[in-house]
Amino acid sequence: MHIPDGLMDPLIAGLGWLEFAVIAAIAIYMSGRRIKDKDLPRIAVLCAGIFVAQMLNFPIGGGTTGHLIGGALFAIMVGPVIAIVGMTVILLIQALMFGDGGLTAFGLNAVNMAIIAPLMGWGVYTMLKPLLSRGEVQPGKTFTAGEAFAIGAGAWASVLIASAACAAELAVSYAISDGAYGIAATVSVPAMLGYHAVIGVGEAIITVGVAAYVLKVAPEMFKSTTSRPVTTMGIKGILSSRIAQATAAILIAFALALPLYFIYSSEGADGLEKTMEDAGVGEPEPLLTSPFTYGEDYFAALFAGILGFVAVALVGLGMMRVLRAGRPAE
C-alpha cells in the first residue's frame, strides 16, 4: 500500500504531509511520557521485526499479493502512541533506503499505515476485548478465543480502513486534477477495498499467531502486563537476554520464510499495484533513487532484510531514547 511519487495530486500529497506532521508531533510529545528505559530495546526490536515481516508478501490469488502492515500488532503490544512513532521509523527506512513509497507521498503513506492502521487496530481490539474475554490477559493465563477474535478483528479492520483512506486519496486526486493524478473512484474504491478485505484476513491470521506466541513465551511484552526489569551482566547476559533471543528468532524465521516468498509471491503485485494495473496507470519515476533494493535472489533479499532490521532497530532505539530523555515516566 506504499504510494509512489507522482501518483497523487500535489495538493493531496501536501495535505497528507500536513496531517502527518500534526499527528506525529502530538504522538512524539505524548510518547516520551509513556516510554520506560527498560522497554526501549523491545520496542526497537518490535520495529525491526515488523520491517522484515513487511518484506514477505503472501499470495491472495489472481496474481495479487499482500503483506503485513503491522500497525495493529504494534499498537496492541505497546499502545497506539508509541506505535505511531515506531511505524513512522519503519516507513522512513523503507522510503529512504529501499525506495518503498515515494518521498512526496510519504505524508499520505504515514497517515494511512503509521496513524490510521495502528489507531484502528487498537481501537477495535480495545472495544471488543471486554465483550469477548474475561478481563485483562495476565502472565500464565490462557489465550482465549475471545482475545484471539478481538486481535484478529482489529488487525483486519486496520488494513481495510487504511486501504479505504488510500482509495479516497486516489479518488480525490483524480477528481481535482481532471484525471492527471490518482485513480477514478469507480476503480480505486472497489479494487482497493476488495483486495485489502482479503489481505486483511492474512494480516489477522499473522497478528493473532504472533500475539498468541508472544503471550505464551513472553507475556510481559504486552502493554497490558507489567514489564519485568531487564538485567544483564556482561556479554553473556546480553546474549541470553530475551531481546537477543527475540532478534535471533525473527531473523531465523525471516531466513526460513524467504524461499516461500520467492516461490509464491515475489512476482505478484500488491493491492495498490494491482489497483494501478486495473486502472491502466503505470508507476511514475521516483523522486529519489534509493541506495538499496530488496533483492532479486535469496541472499540479496536476506542481506536486505538484515540490513533493514539493523537500521530500523538502531534508528528506532535512537529516536525513542531522544523522546524519553528528560521526561518523567507516567
C-alpha atoms as a PDB file:
ATOM      1  CA  MET A   1       0.000   0.000   0.000  1.00  0.00           C
ATOM      2  CA  HIS A   2       3.023   2.248  -0.386  1.00  0.00           C
ATOM      3  CA  ILE A   3       2.040   5.162  -2.635  1.00  0.00           C
ATOM      4  CA  PRO A   4       4.834   6.057  -5.110  1.00  0.00           C
ATOM      5  CA  ASP A   5       5.980   9.511  -6.181  1.00  0.00           C
ATOM      6  CA  GLY A   6       3.918  11.191  -8.888  1.00  0.00           C
ATOM      7  CA  LEU A   7       0.682   9.286  -8.346  1.00  0.00           C
ATOM      8  CA  MET A   8      -1.093  11.815  -6.133  1.00  0.00           C
ATOM      9  CA  ASP A   9      -2.117  15.386  -6.883  1.00  0.00           C
ATOM     10  CA  PRO A  10       0.411  17.757  -5.212  1.00  0.00           C
ATOM     11  CA  LEU A  11      -2.345  19.365  -3.129  1.00  0.00           C
ATOM     12  CA  ILE A  12      -3.435  16.000  -1.696  1.00  0.00           C
ATOM     13  CA  ALA A  13       0.199  14.992  -1.106  1.00  0.00           C
ATOM     14  CA  GLY A  14       0.771  18.294   0.702  1.00  0.00           C
ATOM     15  CA  LEU A  15      -2.307  17.810   2.863  1.00  0.00           C
ATOM     16  CA  GLY A  16      -1.015  14.354   3.735  1.00  0.00           C
ATOM     17  CA  TRP A  17       2.270  15.845   4.918  1.00  0.00           C
ATOM     18  CA  LEU A  18       0.374  18.439   6.981  1.00  0.00           C
ATOM     19  CA  GLU A  19      -1.892  15.864   8.626  1.00  0.00           C
ATOM     20  CA  PHE A  20       1.050  13.600   9.350  1.00  0.00           C
ATOM     21  CA  ALA A  21       3.133  16.421  10.831  1.00  0.00           C
ATOM     22  CA  VAL A  22       0.379  17.457  13.243  1.00  0.00           C
ATOM     23  CA  ILE A  23      -0.462  13.941  14.458  1.00  0.00           C
ATOM     24  CA  ALA A  24       3.187  12.873  14.598  1.00  0.00           C
ATOM     25  CA  ALA A  25       4.076  15.929  16.701  1.00  0.00           C
ATOM     26  CA  ILE A  26       1.327  15.035  19.182  1.00  0.00           C
ATOM     27  CA  ALA A  27       2.410  11.392  19.266  1.00  0.00           C
ATOM     28  CA  ILE A  28       6.060  12.332  19.763  1.00  0.00           C
ATOM     29  CA  TYR A  29       5.147  14.631  22.651  1.00  0.00           C
ATOM     30  CA  MET A  30       2.941  12.022  24.310  1.00  0.00           C
ATOM     31  CA  SER A  31       5.214   9.038  23.737  1.00  0.00           C
ATOM     32  CA  GLY A  32       8.071  10.493  25.770  1.00  0.00           C
ATOM     33  CA  ARG A  33       5.976  10.132  28.918  1.00  0.00           C
ATOM     34  CA  ARG A  34       4.953   6.582  28.116  1.00  0.00           C
ATOM     35  CA  ILE A  35       8.320   5.026  27.302  1.00  0.00           C
ATOM     36  CA  LYS A  36      10.250   3.384  30.116  1.00  0.00           C
ATOM     37  CA  ASP A  37      14.001   2.986  29.794  1.00  0.00           C
ATOM     38  CA  LYS A  38      13.777  -0.788  30.247  1.00  0.00           C
ATOM     39  CA  ASP A  39      11.253  -1.011  27.387  1.00  0.00           C
ATOM     40  CA  LEU A  40      13.448   0.703  24.777  1.00  0.00           C
ATOM     41  CA  PRO A  41      15.199  -2.443  23.444  1.00  0.00           C
ATOM     42  CA  ARG A  42      12.000  -4.457  22.995  1.00  0.00           C
ATOM     43  CA  ILE A  43      10.269  -1.566  21.199  1.00  0.00           C
ATOM     44  CA  ALA A  44      13.248  -1.206  18.858  1.00  0.00           C
ATOM     45  CA  VAL A  45      13.254  -4.953  18.116  1.00  0.00           C
ATOM     46  CA  LEU A  46       9.485  -4.846  17.533  1.00  0.00           C
ATOM     47  CA  CYS A  47      10.020  -2.042  14.976  1.00  0.00           C
ATOM     48  CA  ALA A  48      12.694  -4.071  13.219  1.00  0.00           C
ATOM     49  CA  GLY A  49      10.645  -7.271  13.321  1.00  0.00           C
ATOM     50  CA  ILE A  50       7.686  -5.587  11.651  1.00  0.00           C
ATOM     51  CA  PHE A  51      10.025  -4.207   8.978  1.00  0.00           C
ATOM     52  CA  VAL A  52      11.271  -7.651   7.946  1.00  0.00           C
ATOM     53  CA  ALA A  53       7.745  -9.080   8.173  1.00  0.00           C
ATOM     54  CA  GLN A  54       6.550  -6.458   5.698  1.00  0.00           C
ATOM     55  CA  MET A  55       9.130  -7.709   3.192  1.00  0.00           C
ATOM     56  CA  LEU A  56       7.358 -11.070   2.921  1.00  0.00           C
ATOM     57  CA  ASN A  57       4.370 -10.972   0.580  1.00  0.00           C
ATOM     58  CA  PHE A  58       1.744 -13.711   0.595  1.00  0.00           C
ATOM     59  CA  PRO A  59      -0.443 -14.600  -2.412  1.00  0.00           C
ATOM     60  CA  ILE A  60      -4.198 -13.920  -2.327  1.00  0.00           C
ATOM     61  CA  GLY A  61      -4.952 -15.128  -5.871  1.00  0.00           C
ATOM     62  CA  GLY A  62      -5.150 -13.640  -9.343  1.00  0.00           C
ATOM     63  CA  GLY A  63      -1.527 -12.561  -9.350  1.00  0.00           C
ATOM     64  CA  THR A  64      -2.127 -10.320  -6.346  1.00  0.00           C
ATOM     65  CA  THR A  65      -0.163 -10.423  -3.105  1.00  0.00           C
ATOM     66  CA  GLY A  66      -0.441  -8.848   0.301  1.00  0.00           C
ATOM     67  CA  HIS A  67       1.953  -8.139   3.106  1.00  0.00           C
ATOM     68  CA  LEU A  68       1.704  -7.393   6.782  1.00  0.00           C
ATOM     69  CA  ILE A  69       1.255  -3.747   7.759  1.00  0.00           C
ATOM     70  CA  GLY A  70       1.797  -4.486  11.438  1.00  0.00           C
ATOM     71  CA  GLY A  71       0.168  -1.338  12.792  1.00  0.00           C
ATOM     72  CA  ALA A  72      -2.432  -3.222  14.796  1.00  0.00           C
ATOM     73  CA  LEU A  73       0.129  -5.638  16.236  1.00  0.00           C
ATOM     74  CA  PHE A  74       2.402  -2.747  17.210  1.00  0.00           C
ATOM     75  CA  ALA A  75      -0.395  -0.767  18.879  1.00  0.00           C
ATOM     76  CA  ILE A  76      -1.832  -3.756  20.745  1.00  0.00           C
ATOM     77  CA  MET A  77       1.589  -4.641  22.130  1.00  0.00           C
ATOM     78  CA  VAL A  78       2.892  -1.200  23.137  1.00  0.00           C
ATOM     79  CA  GLY A  79      -0.004   1.245  22.791  1.00  0.00           C
ATOM     80  CA  PRO A  80      -1.129   3.428  19.866  1.00  0.00           C
ATOM     81  CA  VAL A  81       1.015   6.496  20.612  1.00  0.00           C
ATOM     82  CA  ILE A  82       4.331   4.631  20.614  1.00  0.00           C
ATOM     83  CA  ALA A  83       3.122   2.580  17.633  1.00  0.00           C
ATOM     84  CA  ILE A  84       2.673   5.753  15.567  1.00  0.00           C
ATOM     85  CA  VAL A  85       6.294   6.738  16.232  1.00  0.00           C
ATOM     86  CA  GLY A  86       7.594   3.215  15.589  1.00  0.00           C
ATOM     87  CA  MET A  87       5.671   2.757  12.348  1.00  0.00           C
ATOM     88  CA  THR A  88       6.961   6.139  11.157  1.00  0.00           C
ATOM     89  CA  VAL A  89      10.528   4.906  11.648  1.00  0.00           C
ATOM     90  CA  ILE A  90       9.756   1.795   9.587  1.00  0.00           C
ATOM     91  CA  LEU A  91       8.268   3.821   6.734  1.00  0.00           C
ATOM     92  CA  LEU A  92      11.221   6.238   6.772  1.00  0.00           C
ATOM     93  CA  ILE A  93      13.754   3.436   6.386  1.00  0.00           C
ATOM     94  CA  GLN A  94      11.665   1.812   3.660  1.00  0.00           C
ATOM     95  CA  ALA A  95      11.417   5.068   1.699  1.00  0.00           C
ATOM     96  CA  LEU A  96      14.968   6.381   2.140  1.00  0.00           C
ATOM     97  CA  MET A  97      16.962   3.148   1.956  1.00  0.00           C
ATOM     98  CA  PHE A  98      14.827   0.895  -0.255  1.00  0.00           C
ATOM     99  CA  GLY A  99      12.607   3.238  -2.277  1.00  0.00           C
ATOM    100  CA  ASP A 100       9.403   1.675  -0.935  1.00  0.00           C
ATOM    101  CA  GLY A 101       6.933   4.549  -1.155  1.00  0.00           C
ATOM    102  CA  GLY A 102       7.640   7.988  -2.588  1.00  0.00           C
ATOM    103  CA  LEU A 103       9.035  10.953  -0.678  1.00  0.00           C
ATOM    104  CA  THR A 104       6.310  13.279  -1.931  1.00  0.00           C
ATOM    105  CA  ALA A 105       3.700  10.734  -0.828  1.00  0.00           C
ATOM    106  CA  PHE A 106       5.382   9.944   2.482  1.00  0.00           C
ATOM    107  CA  GLY A 107       2.856  12.025   4.418  1.00  0.00           C
ATOM    108  CA  LEU A 108      -0.040  10.057   2.944  1.00  0.00           C
ATOM    109  CA  ASN A 109       1.699   6.719   3.467  1.00  0.00           C
ATOM    110  CA  ALA A 110       2.378   7.639   7.088  1.00  0.00           C
ATOM    111  CA  VAL A 111      -1.208   8.780   7.627  1.00  0.00           C
ATOM    112  CA  ASN A 112      -2.533   5.506   6.224  1.00  0.00           C
ATOM    113  CA  MET A 113      -0.087   2.990   7.713  1.00  0.00           C
ATOM    114  CA  ALA A 114       1.519   4.734  10.706  1.00  0.00           C
ATOM    115  CA  ILE A 115      -1.560   6.549  12.041  1.00  0.00           C
ATOM    116  CA  ILE A 116      -4.831   5.109  10.745  1.00  0.00           C
ATOM    117  CA  ALA A 117      -3.771   1.441  10.870  1.00  0.00           C
ATOM    118  CA  PRO A 118      -2.468   1.469  14.496  1.00  0.00           C
ATOM    119  CA  LEU A 119      -5.338   3.601  15.802  1.00  0.00           C
ATOM    120  CA  MET A 120      -7.998   1.497  14.067  1.00  0.00           C
ATOM    121  CA  GLY A 121      -6.422  -1.804  15.108  1.00  0.00           C
ATOM    122  CA  TRP A 122      -6.018  -0.710  18.719  1.00  0.00           C
ATOM    123  CA  GLY A 123      -9.490   0.852  18.834  1.00  0.00           C
ATOM    124  CA  VAL A 124     -11.345  -2.211  17.537  1.00  0.00           C
ATOM    125  CA  TYR A 125      -9.316  -4.534  19.765  1.00  0.00           C
ATOM    126  CA  THR A 126      -9.901  -2.366  22.842  1.00  0.00           C
ATOM    127  CA  MET A 127     -13.648  -2.177  22.222  1.00  0.00           C
ATOM    128  CA  LEU A 128     -14.116  -5.883  21.546  1.00  0.00           C
ATOM    129  CA  LYS A 129     -11.811  -7.334  24.177  1.00  0.00           C
ATOM    130  CA  PRO A 130     -14.031  -6.595  27.250  1.00  0.00           C
ATOM    131  CA  LEU A 131     -17.015  -8.083  25.418  1.00  0.00           C
ATOM    132  CA  LEU A 132     -15.273 -11.253  24.307  1.00  0.00           C
ATOM    133  CA  SER A 133     -12.807 -12.155  27.064  1.00  0.00           C
ATOM    134  CA  ARG A 134     -12.825 -12.337  30.828  1.00  0.00           C
ATOM    135  CA  GLY A 135     -10.647  -9.399  31.724  1.00  0.00           C
ATOM    136  CA  GLU A 136      -7.055  -8.496  31.047  1.00  0.00           C
ATOM    137  CA  VAL A 137      -4.524 -11.057  29.810  1.00  0.00           C
ATOM    138  CA  GLN A 138      -2.025 -11.854  32.571  1.00  0.00           C
ATOM    139  CA  PRO A 139       1.138 -13.968  32.588  1.00  0.00           C
ATOM    140  CA  GLY A 140       0.213 -17.637  32.567  1.00  0.00           C
ATOM    141  CA  LYS A 141      -3.401 -17.021  31.627  1.00  0.00           C
ATOM    142  CA  THR A 142      -4.918 -18.912  28.704  1.00  0.00           C
ATOM    143  CA  PHE A 143      -5.115 -17.137  25.354  1.00  0.00           C
ATOM    144  CA  THR A 144      -8.875 -17.272  24.883  1.00  0.00           C
ATOM    145  CA  ALA A 145     -10.885 -17.423  21.686  1.00  0.00           C
ATOM    146  CA  GLY A 146     -12.368 -14.045  22.570  1.00  0.00           C
ATOM    147  CA  GLU A 147      -8.929 -12.497  22.876  1.00  0.00           C
ATOM    148  CA  ALA A 148      -7.909 -14.005  19.537  1.00  0.00           C
ATOM    149  CA  PHE A 149     -11.047 -12.728  17.808  1.00  0.00           C
ATOM    150  CA  ALA A 150     -10.565  -9.199  19.205  1.00  0.00           C
ATOM    151  CA  ILE A 151      -6.950  -9.108  17.989  1.00  0.00           C
ATOM    152  CA  GLY A 152      -7.854 -10.551  14.581  1.00  0.00           C
ATOM    153  CA  ALA A 153     -10.773  -8.151  14.119  1.00  0.00           C
ATOM    154  CA  GLY A 154      -8.556  -5.216  14.997  1.00  0.00           C
ATOM    155  CA  ALA A 155      -5.876  -6.336  12.539  1.00  0.00           C
ATOM    156  CA  TRP A 156      -8.404  -6.882   9.731  1.00  0.00           C
ATOM    157  CA  ALA A 157     -10.084  -3.511  10.351  1.00  0.00           C
ATOM    158  CA  SER A 158      -6.712  -1.739  10.381  1.00  0.00           C
ATOM    159  CA  VAL A 159      -5.945  -2.956   6.857  1.00  0.00           C
ATOM    160  CA  LEU A 160      -9.419  -2.308   5.450  1.00  0.00           C
ATOM    161  CA  ILE A 161      -9.752   1.230   6.814  1.00  0.00           C
ATOM    162  CA  ALA A 162      -6.194   2.168   5.820  1.00  0.00           C
ATOM    163  CA  SER A 163      -6.947   0.924   2.290  1.00  0.00           C
ATOM    164  CA  ALA A 164     -10.226   2.884   2.279  1.00  0.00           C
ATOM    165  CA  ALA A 165      -8.281   6.040   3.142  1.00  0.00           C
ATOM    166  CA  CYS A 166      -5.821   5.307   0.317  1.00  0.00           C
ATOM    167  CA  ALA A 167      -8.719   4.712  -2.109  1.00  0.00           C
ATOM    168  CA  ALA A 168     -10.274   8.028  -1.110  1.00  0.00           C
ATOM    169  CA  GLU A 169      -6.959   9.827  -1.631  1.00  0.00           C
ATOM    170  CA  LEU A 170      -6.647   8.284  -5.089  1.00  0.00           C
ATOM    171  CA  ALA A 171     -10.211   9.232  -5.978  1.00  0.00           C
ATOM    172  CA  VAL A 172      -9.926  12.845  -4.774  1.00  0.00           C
ATOM    173  CA  SER A 173      -6.602  13.269  -6.579  1.00  0.00           C
ATOM    174  CA  TYR A 174      -8.241  12.066  -9.790  1.00  0.00           C
ATOM    175  CA  ALA A 175     -11.264  14.332  -9.364  1.00  0.00           C
ATOM    176  CA  ILE A 176      -9.470  17.595  -8.588  1.00  0.00           C
ATOM    177  CA  SER A 177      -6.806  17.074 -11.267  1.00  0.00           C
ATOM    178  CA  ASP A 178      -9.231  16.117 -14.061  1.00  0.00           C
ATOM    179  CA  GLY A 179      -7.620  12.703 -14.301  1.00  0.00           C
ATOM    180  CA  ALA A 180      -3.983  13.865 -14.351  1.00  0.00           C
ATOM    181  CA  TYR A 181      -3.310  12.198 -10.980  1.00  0.00           C
ATOM    182  CA  GLY A 182      -4.817   9.430  -8.905  1.00  0.00           C
ATOM    183  CA  ILE A 183      -7.354   6.825  -9.959  1.00  0.00           C
ATOM    184  CA  ALA A 184     -11.083   7.273 -10.524  1.00  0.00           C
ATOM    185  CA  ALA A 185     -13.312   6.329  -7.603  1.00  0.00           C
ATOM    186  CA  THR A 186     -15.149   3.776  -9.753  1.00  0.00           C
ATOM    187  CA  VAL A 187     -11.894   1.784  -9.921  1.00  0.00           C
ATOM    188  CA  SER A 188      -9.963   2.742  -6.789  1.00  0.00           C
ATOM    189  CA  VAL A 189     -12.686   2.199  -4.188  1.00  0.00           C
ATOM    190  CA  PRO A 190     -13.932  -1.305  -5.161  1.00  0.00           C
ATOM    191  CA  ALA A 191     -10.460  -2.516  -6.130  1.00  0.00           C
ATOM    192  CA  MET A 192      -8.649  -1.288  -3.009  1.00  0.00           C
ATOM    193  CA  LEU A 193     -11.393  -2.454  -0.643  1.00  0.00           C
ATOM    194  CA  GLY A 194     -11.811  -5.774  -2.439  1.00  0.00           C
ATOM    195  CA  TYR A 195      -8.132  -6.682  -2.490  1.00  0.00           C
ATOM    196  CA  HIS A 196      -7.461  -5.481   1.038  1.00  0.00           C
ATOM    197  CA  ALA A 197     -10.510  -7.184   2.534  1.00  0.00           C
ATOM    198  CA  VAL A 198      -8.723 -10.424   1.588  1.00  0.00           C
ATOM    199  CA  ILE A 199      -5.268  -9.147   2.520  1.00  0.00           C
ATOM    200  CA  GLY A 200      -6.710  -8.181   5.897  1.00  0.00           C
ATOM    201  CA  VAL A 201      -7.526 -11.837   6.559  1.00  0.00           C
ATOM    202  CA  GLY A 202      -3.839 -12.658   6.149  1.00  0.00           C
ATOM    203  CA  GLU A 203      -2.953  -9.750   8.433  1.00  0.00           C
ATOM    204  CA  ALA A 204      -5.394 -11.039  11.039  1.00  0.00           C
ATOM    205  CA  ILE A 205      -4.034 -14.598  10.924  1.00  0.00           C
ATOM    206  CA  ILE A 206      -0.425 -13.427  11.249  1.00  0.00           C
ATOM    207  CA  THR A 207      -1.245 -10.940  14.010  1.00  0.00           C
ATOM    208  CA  VAL A 208      -3.189 -13.470  16.066  1.00  0.00           C
ATOM    209  CA  GLY A 209      -0.447 -16.050  15.616  1.00  0.00           C
ATOM    210  CA  VAL A 210       2.305 -13.673  16.717  1.00  0.00           C
ATOM    211  CA  ALA A 211       0.233 -12.397  19.644  1.00  0.00           C
ATOM    212  CA  ALA A 212      -0.594 -15.912  20.827  1.00  0.00           C
ATOM    213  CA  TYR A 213       3.068 -16.930  20.676  1.00  0.00           C
ATOM    214  CA  VAL A 214       4.292 -13.818  22.478  1.00  0.00           C
ATOM    215  CA  LEU A 215       1.627 -14.099  25.175  1.00  0.00           C
ATOM    216  CA  LYS A 216       2.735 -17.674  25.781  1.00  0.00           C
ATOM    217  CA  VAL A 217       6.502 -17.206  25.896  1.00  0.00           C
ATOM    218  CA  ALA A 218       6.880 -13.562  26.973  1.00  0.00           C
ATOM    219  CA  PRO A 219       3.611 -12.018  28.200  1.00  0.00           C
ATOM    220  CA  GLU A 220       5.485  -9.058  29.661  1.00  0.00           C
ATOM    221  CA  MET A 221       5.921  -7.834  26.073  1.00  0.00           C
ATOM    222  CA  PHE A 222       2.294  -6.700  26.090  1.00  0.00           C
ATOM    223  CA  LYS A 223       1.321  -3.254  27.271  1.00  0.00           C
ATOM    224  CA  SER A 224      -1.422  -4.688  29.471  1.00  0.00           C
ATOM    225  CA  THR A 225       1.093  -6.547  31.593  1.00  0.00           C
ATOM    226  CA  THR A 226       3.837  -5.374  33.890  1.00  0.00           C
ATOM    227  CA  SER A 227       7.256  -5.385  32.276  1.00  0.00           C
ATOM    228  CA  ARG A 228       9.945  -7.109  34.250  1.00  0.00           C
ATOM    229  CA  PRO A 229      13.234  -5.274  34.745  1.00  0.00           C
ATOM    230  CA  VAL A 230      15.915  -6.340  32.309  1.00  0.00           C
ATOM    231  CA  THR A 231      19.228  -7.075  33.950  1.00  0.00           C
ATOM    232  CA  THR A 232      22.335  -8.001  32.044  1.00  0.00           C
ATOM    233  CA  MET A 233      25.800  -8.894  33.212  1.00  0.00           C
ATOM    234  CA  GLY A 234      28.396  -8.599  30.501  1.00  0.00           C
ATOM    235  CA  ILE A 235      28.302 -10.271  27.106  1.00  0.00           C
ATOM    236  CA  LYS A 236      26.838 -13.486  28.473  1.00  0.00           C
ATOM    237  CA  GLY A 237      23.910 -11.663  29.985  1.00  0.00           C
ATOM    238  CA  ILE A 238      23.230  -9.730  26.796  1.00  0.00           C
ATOM    239  CA  LEU A 239      23.355 -12.842  24.612  1.00  0.00           C
ATOM    240  CA  SER A 240      20.996 -14.696  26.946  1.00  0.00           C
ATOM    241  CA  SER A 241      18.516 -11.833  27.234  1.00  0.00           C
ATOM    242  CA  ARG A 242      15.020 -12.009  25.746  1.00  0.00           C
ATOM    243  CA  ILE A 243      15.940  -9.192  23.368  1.00  0.00           C
ATOM    244  CA  ALA A 244      18.799 -11.196  21.861  1.00  0.00           C
ATOM    245  CA  GLN A 245      16.614 -14.305  21.708  1.00  0.00           C
ATOM    246  CA  ALA A 246      13.813 -12.362  20.015  1.00  0.00           C
ATOM    247  CA  THR A 247      16.254 -10.882  17.485  1.00  0.00           C
ATOM    248  CA  ALA A 248      17.634 -14.315  16.625  1.00  0.00           C
ATOM    249  CA  ALA A 249      14.122 -15.783  16.343  1.00  0.00           C
ATOM    250  CA  ILE A 250      12.965 -13.015  13.993  1.00  0.00           C
ATOM    251  CA  LEU A 251      15.956 -13.310  11.686  1.00  0.00           C
ATOM    252  CA  ILE A 252      15.815 -17.119  11.607  1.00  0.00           C
ATOM    253  CA  ALA A 253      12.099 -17.043  10.799  1.00  0.00           C
ATOM    254  CA  PHE A 254      12.772 -14.471   8.072  1.00  0.00           C
ATOM    255  CA  ALA A 255      15.531 -16.595   6.528  1.00  0.00           C
ATOM    256  CA  LEU A 256      13.320 -19.708   6.558  1.00  0.00           C
ATOM    257  CA  ALA A 257      10.338 -17.859   5.043  1.00  0.00           C
ATOM    258  CA  LEU A 258      12.276 -16.314   2.148  1.00  0.00           C
ATOM    259  CA  PRO A 259      12.160 -19.427  -0.109  1.00  0.00           C
ATOM    260  CA  LEU A 260       8.353 -19.455   0.086  1.00  0.00           C
ATOM    261  CA  TYR A 261       8.339 -15.757  -0.783  1.00  0.00           C
ATOM    262  CA  PHE A 262      10.339 -16.353  -3.960  1.00  0.00           C
ATOM    263  CA  ILE A 263       8.279 -19.382  -4.946  1.00  0.00           C
ATOM    264  CA  TYR A 264       4.820 -17.906  -4.455  1.00  0.00           C
ATOM    265  CA  SER A 265       4.836 -14.142  -4.154  1.00  0.00           C
ATOM    266  CA  SER A 266       7.902 -12.303  -5.388  1.00  0.00           C
ATOM    267  CA  GLU A 267       6.456 -11.637  -8.852  1.00  0.00           C
ATOM    268  CA  GLY A 268       2.962 -10.668  -7.714  1.00  0.00           C
ATOM    269  CA  ALA A 269       1.591  -7.136  -7.383  1.00  0.00           C
ATOM    270  CA  ASP A 270       0.334  -5.875  -4.036  1.00  0.00           C
ATOM    271  CA  GLY A 271      -3.140  -4.402  -3.581  1.00  0.00           C
ATOM    272  CA  LEU A 272      -2.255  -0.864  -4.665  1.00  0.00           C
ATOM    273  CA  GLU A 273      -0.075  -2.034  -7.565  1.00  0.00           C
ATOM    274  CA  LYS A 274      -2.901  -4.288  -8.758  1.00  0.00           C
ATOM    275  CA  THR A 275      -5.352  -1.392  -8.497  1.00  0.00           C
ATOM    276  CA  MET A 276      -2.989   0.707 -10.633  1.00  0.00           C
ATOM    277  CA  GLU A 277      -2.853  -2.116 -13.187  1.00  0.00           C
ATOM    278  CA  ASP A 278      -6.656  -2.305 -13.220  1.00  0.00           C
ATOM    279  CA  ALA A 279      -6.783   1.436 -13.920  1.00  0.00           C
ATOM    280  CA  GLY A 280      -4.050   1.278 -16.571  1.00  0.00           C
ATOM    281  CA  VAL A 281      -1.785   3.552 -14.530  1.00  0.00           C
ATOM    282  CA  GLY A 282       1.959   2.980 -14.674  1.00  0.00           C
ATOM    283  CA  GLU A 283       4.257   3.669 -11.759  1.00  0.00           C
ATOM    284  CA  PRO A 284       5.948   7.080 -12.195  1.00  0.00           C
ATOM    285  CA  GLU A 285       9.680   7.606 -11.770  1.00  0.00           C
ATOM    286  CA  PRO A 286      10.706   8.031  -8.134  1.00  0.00           C
ATOM    287  CA  LEU A 287      11.964  11.386  -6.909  1.00  0.00           C
ATOM    288  CA  LEU A 288      14.956   9.756  -5.209  1.00  0.00           C
ATOM    289  CA  THR A 289      16.967   6.739  -6.336  1.00  0.00           C
ATOM    290  CA  SER A 290      17.444   4.561  -3.266  1.00  0.00           C
ATOM    291  CA  PRO A 291      20.853   3.077  -2.439  1.00  0.00           C
ATOM    292  CA  PHE A 292      19.500  -0.439  -1.782  1.00  0.00           C
ATOM    293  CA  THR A 293      16.862  -2.808  -3.120  1.00  0.00           C
ATOM    294  CA  TYR A 294      15.021  -5.721  -1.548  1.00  0.00           C
ATOM    295  CA  GLY A 295      16.958  -8.102  -3.801  1.00  0.00           C
ATOM    296  CA  GLU A 296      16.017 -10.484  -6.576  1.00  0.00           C
ATOM    297  CA  ASP A 297      17.600 -13.640  -5.180  1.00  0.00           C
ATOM    298  CA  TYR A 298      17.715 -15.335  -1.800  1.00  0.00           C
ATOM    299  CA  PHE A 299      20.984 -13.992  -0.460  1.00  0.00           C
ATOM    300  CA  ALA A 300      20.383 -10.450  -1.713  1.00  0.00           C
ATOM    301  CA  ALA A 301      16.974 -10.407  -0.019  1.00  0.00           C
ATOM    302  CA  LEU A 302      18.423 -11.900   3.150  1.00  0.00           C
ATOM    303  CA  PHE A 303      21.112  -9.205   3.196  1.00  0.00           C
ATOM    304  CA  ALA A 304      18.477  -6.500   2.624  1.00  0.00           C
ATOM    305  CA  GLY A 305      16.360  -7.879   5.445  1.00  0.00           C
ATOM    306  CA  ILE A 306      19.253  -7.996   7.901  1.00  0.00           C
ATOM    307  CA  LEU A 307      20.447  -4.533   6.842  1.00  0.00           C
ATOM    308  CA  GLY A 308      16.955  -3.089   7.207  1.00  0.00           C
ATOM    309  CA  PHE A 309      16.439  -4.859  10.528  1.00  0.00           C
ATOM    310  CA  VAL A 310      19.616  -3.331  11.954  1.00  0.00           C
ATOM    311  CA  ALA A 311      18.852   0.126  10.532  1.00  0.00           C
ATOM    312  CA  VAL A 312      15.284   0.184  11.874  1.00  0.00           C
ATOM    313  CA  ALA A 313      16.362  -1.144  15.281  1.00  0.00           C
ATOM    314  CA  LEU A 314      19.130   1.457  15.650  1.00  0.00           C
ATOM    315  CA  VAL A 315      17.066   4.389  14.374  1.00  0.00           C
ATOM    316  CA  GLY A 316      14.078   3.310  16.448  1.00  0.00           C
ATOM    317  CA  LEU A 317      16.184   2.915  19.568  1.00  0.00           C
ATOM    318  CA  GLY A 318      17.851   6.278  18.999  1.00  0.00           C
ATOM    319  CA  MET A 319      14.575   8.079  18.436  1.00  0.00           C
ATOM    320  CA  MET A 320      12.940   6.503  21.471  1.00  0.00           C
ATOM    321  CA  ARG A 321      15.936   7.426  23.631  1.00  0.00           C
ATOM    322  CA  VAL A 322      15.708  11.036  22.476  1.00  0.00           C
ATOM    323  CA  LEU A 323      11.988  11.126  23.221  1.00  0.00           C
ATOM    324  CA  ARG A 324      12.494   9.512  26.594  1.00  0.00           C
ATOM    325  CA  ALA A 325      15.352  11.801  27.670  1.00  0.00           C
ATOM    326  CA  GLY A 326      14.366  14.352  30.265  1.00  0.00           C
ATOM    327  CA  ARG A 327      10.723  13.271  30.525  1.00  0.00           C
ATOM    328  CA  PRO A 328       9.266  11.694  33.660  1.00  0.00           C
ATOM    329  CA  ALA A 329       7.527   8.382  33.034  1.00  0.00           C
ATOM    330  CA  GLU A 330       3.812   8.153  33.734  1.00  0.00           C
END
